[in-house]
Amino acid sequence: MSKLKVTQIKSKISEKPNQRETLRSLGLKRIGHTVVREDDAQTRGYVNVVRHLVRVEEVDE
């Protein structure tokens, strides 16, 4: 199954509370932090909410 590599590229300081919580739910804590998550509907939804704050790459494992 494929996975998504999600990297935070912008600050969450001036963002809405729901977007801050979404970053926390993804496991991102600071700029430059990267997590690898399963490529499923829930993760795609999270990424869609904060697409302006993160960079997403597909990883095959």
N, C-alpha and C. Protein backbone atom coordinates (compact mmCIF):
# COMPACT_ATOMS: atom_id res chain seq x y z
N MET A 1 0.85 -1.19 0.00
CA MET A 1 0.00 0.00 0.00
C MET A 1 0.89 1.24 0.00
N SER A 2 0.46 2.26 -0.70
CA SER A 2 1.26 3.48 -0.76
C SER A 2 1.08 4.32 0.50
N LYS A 3 2.04 5.18 0.71
CA LYS A 3 2.01 6.06 1.87
C LYS A 3 2.24 7.49 1.41
N LEU A 4 1.90 8.42 2.28
CA LEU A 4 2.11 9.83 2.00
C LEU A 4 3.16 10.38 2.95
N LYS A 5 4.12 11.11 2.41
CA LYS A 5 5.11 11.80 3.21
C LYS A 5 4.66 13.26 3.28
N VAL A 6 4.32 13.72 4.49
CA VAL A 6 3.76 15.05 4.68
C VAL A 6 4.78 15.89 5.46
N THR A 7 5.16 17.03 4.91
CA THR A 7 6.13 17.93 5.53
C THR A 7 5.50 19.29 5.73
N GLN A 8 5.61 19.82 6.95
CA GLN A 8 5.09 21.17 7.23
C GLN A 8 6.09 22.18 6.68
N ILE A 9 5.60 23.12 5.85
CA ILE A 9 6.48 24.10 5.23
C ILE A 9 6.19 25.53 5.66
N LYS A 10 5.06 25.75 6.33
CA LYS A 10 4.70 27.08 6.80
C LYS A 10 4.26 27.03 8.24
N SER A 11 4.30 28.19 8.91
CA SER A 11 3.93 28.30 10.31
C SER A 11 2.43 28.21 10.50
N LYS A 12 2.02 27.70 11.65
CA LYS A 12 0.60 27.60 11.98
C LYS A 12 0.14 28.75 12.87
N ILE A 13 1.01 29.70 13.17
CA ILE A 13 0.71 30.75 14.13
C ILE A 13 -0.52 31.57 13.76
N SER A 14 -0.65 32.01 12.54
CA SER A 14 -1.75 32.89 12.17
C SER A 14 -2.95 32.13 11.58
N GLU A 15 -2.96 30.81 11.74
CA GLU A 15 -4.02 30.00 11.15
C GLU A 15 -5.18 29.80 12.11
N LYS A 16 -6.31 29.36 11.57
CA LYS A 16 -7.51 29.11 12.37
C LYS A 16 -7.29 27.90 13.29
N PRO A 17 -8.01 27.87 14.42
CA PRO A 17 -7.83 26.76 15.38
C PRO A 17 -8.05 25.37 14.78
N ASN A 18 -9.01 25.23 13.86
CA ASN A 18 -9.23 23.90 13.28
C ASN A 18 -8.05 23.46 12.42
N GLN A 19 -7.36 24.40 11.78
CA GLN A 19 -6.19 24.04 10.98
C GLN A 19 -5.01 23.68 11.89
N ARG A 20 -4.87 24.35 13.01
CA ARG A 20 -3.82 24.00 13.99
C ARG A 20 -4.05 22.59 14.51
N GLU A 21 -5.31 22.27 14.82
CA GLU A 21 -5.63 20.93 15.32
C GLU A 21 -5.40 19.86 14.25
N THR A 22 -5.66 20.21 13.00
CA THR A 22 -5.43 19.26 11.92
C THR A 22 -3.95 18.94 11.80
N LEU A 23 -3.09 19.96 11.90
CA LEU A 23 -1.64 19.71 11.87
C LEU A 23 -1.23 18.81 13.02
N ARG A 24 -1.80 19.06 14.19
CA ARG A 24 -1.48 18.24 15.37
C ARG A 24 -1.95 16.80 15.15
N SER A 25 -3.11 16.63 14.54
CA SER A 25 -3.64 15.29 14.27
C SER A 25 -2.76 14.53 13.28
N LEU A 26 -2.16 15.26 12.36
CA LEU A 26 -1.24 14.64 11.42
C LEU A 26 0.09 14.28 12.09
N GLY A 27 0.38 14.89 13.23
CA GLY A 27 1.63 14.62 13.93
C GLY A 27 2.71 15.63 13.64
N LEU A 28 2.34 16.75 13.03
CA LEU A 28 3.32 17.79 12.68
C LEU A 28 3.41 18.81 13.80
N LYS A 29 4.65 19.15 14.19
CA LYS A 29 4.84 20.04 15.33
C LYS A 29 5.58 21.32 15.00
N ARG A 30 6.36 21.32 13.92
CA ARG A 30 7.16 22.50 13.60
C ARG A 30 7.48 22.50 12.10
N ILE A 31 7.93 23.64 11.63
CA ILE A 31 8.30 23.77 10.22
C ILE A 31 9.47 22.82 9.93
N GLY A 32 9.36 22.10 8.84
CA GLY A 32 10.40 21.15 8.46
C GLY A 32 10.20 19.75 9.00
N HIS A 33 9.22 19.55 9.89
CA HIS A 33 8.94 18.25 10.45
C HIS A 33 8.20 17.40 9.42
N THR A 34 8.58 16.13 9.29
CA THR A 34 7.99 15.23 8.30
C THR A 34 7.43 13.99 8.97
N VAL A 35 6.27 13.56 8.52
CA VAL A 35 5.67 12.31 8.98
C VAL A 35 5.27 11.50 7.76
N VAL A 36 5.23 10.18 7.93
CA VAL A 36 4.78 9.28 6.87
C VAL A 36 3.49 8.63 7.36
N ARG A 37 2.42 8.81 6.60
CA ARG A 37 1.09 8.29 6.98
C ARG A 37 0.56 7.41 5.87
N GLU A 38 -0.35 6.51 6.24
CA GLU A 38 -1.03 5.67 5.24
C GLU A 38 -1.83 6.56 4.29
N ASP A 39 -1.89 6.17 3.04
CA ASP A 39 -2.66 6.92 2.04
C ASP A 39 -4.10 6.43 2.07
N ASP A 40 -4.92 7.04 2.94
CA ASP A 40 -6.33 6.68 3.03
C ASP A 40 -7.18 7.95 2.99
N ALA A 41 -8.47 7.77 3.04
CA ALA A 41 -9.39 8.91 2.90
C ALA A 41 -9.23 9.91 4.04
N GLN A 42 -9.01 9.42 5.25
CA GLN A 42 -8.86 10.31 6.40
C GLN A 42 -7.63 11.20 6.25
N THR A 43 -6.51 10.61 5.89
CA THR A 43 -5.28 11.39 5.72
C THR A 43 -5.42 12.38 4.57
N ARG A 44 -6.04 11.97 3.48
CA ARG A 44 -6.27 12.88 2.35
C ARG A 44 -7.14 14.06 2.77
N GLY A 45 -8.13 13.82 3.62
CA GLY A 45 -8.98 14.89 4.11
C GLY A 45 -8.20 15.87 4.98
N TYR A 46 -7.35 15.34 5.88
CA TYR A 46 -6.51 16.19 6.72
C TYR A 46 -5.61 17.07 5.85
N VAL A 47 -4.97 16.45 4.86
CA VAL A 47 -4.05 17.19 3.99
C VAL A 47 -4.79 18.26 3.20
N ASN A 48 -6.00 17.96 2.79
CA ASN A 48 -6.78 18.93 2.02
C ASN A 48 -7.09 20.18 2.84
N VAL A 49 -7.33 20.02 4.15
CA VAL A 49 -7.64 21.15 5.02
C VAL A 49 -6.44 22.09 5.16
N VAL A 50 -5.24 21.53 5.22
CA VAL A 50 -4.04 22.35 5.46
C VAL A 50 -3.09 22.32 4.27
N ARG A 51 -3.63 22.19 3.06
CA ARG A 51 -2.79 22.05 1.87
C ARG A 51 -1.87 23.23 1.63
N HIS A 52 -2.20 24.41 2.16
CA HIS A 52 -1.36 25.59 1.98
C HIS A 52 -0.21 25.63 2.99
N LEU A 53 -0.20 24.73 3.96
CA LEU A 53 0.83 24.69 5.00
C LEU A 53 1.79 23.50 4.87
N VAL A 54 1.46 22.55 4.00
CA VAL A 54 2.25 21.32 3.92
C VAL A 54 2.64 20.99 2.49
N ARG A 55 3.66 20.15 2.36
CA ARG A 55 4.06 19.57 1.08
C ARG A 55 3.82 18.07 1.19
N VAL A 56 3.23 17.48 0.16
CA VAL A 56 2.87 16.07 0.19
C VAL A 56 3.57 15.34 -0.95
N GLU A 57 4.15 14.18 -0.61
CA GLU A 57 4.79 13.33 -1.62
C GLU A 57 4.28 11.92 -1.42
N GLU A 58 4.10 11.20 -2.52
CA GLU A 58 3.70 9.80 -2.43
C GLU A 58 4.95 8.93 -2.32
N VAL A 59 4.90 7.95 -1.40
CA VAL A 59 6.03 7.06 -1.16
C VAL A 59 5.52 5.63 -1.32
N ASP A 60 6.22 4.82 -2.08
CA ASP A 60 5.86 3.40 -2.22
C ASP A 60 6.73 2.58 -1.30
N GLU A 61 6.07 1.78 -0.45
CA GLU A 61 6.83 0.92 0.46
C GLU A 61 6.32 -0.48 0.43
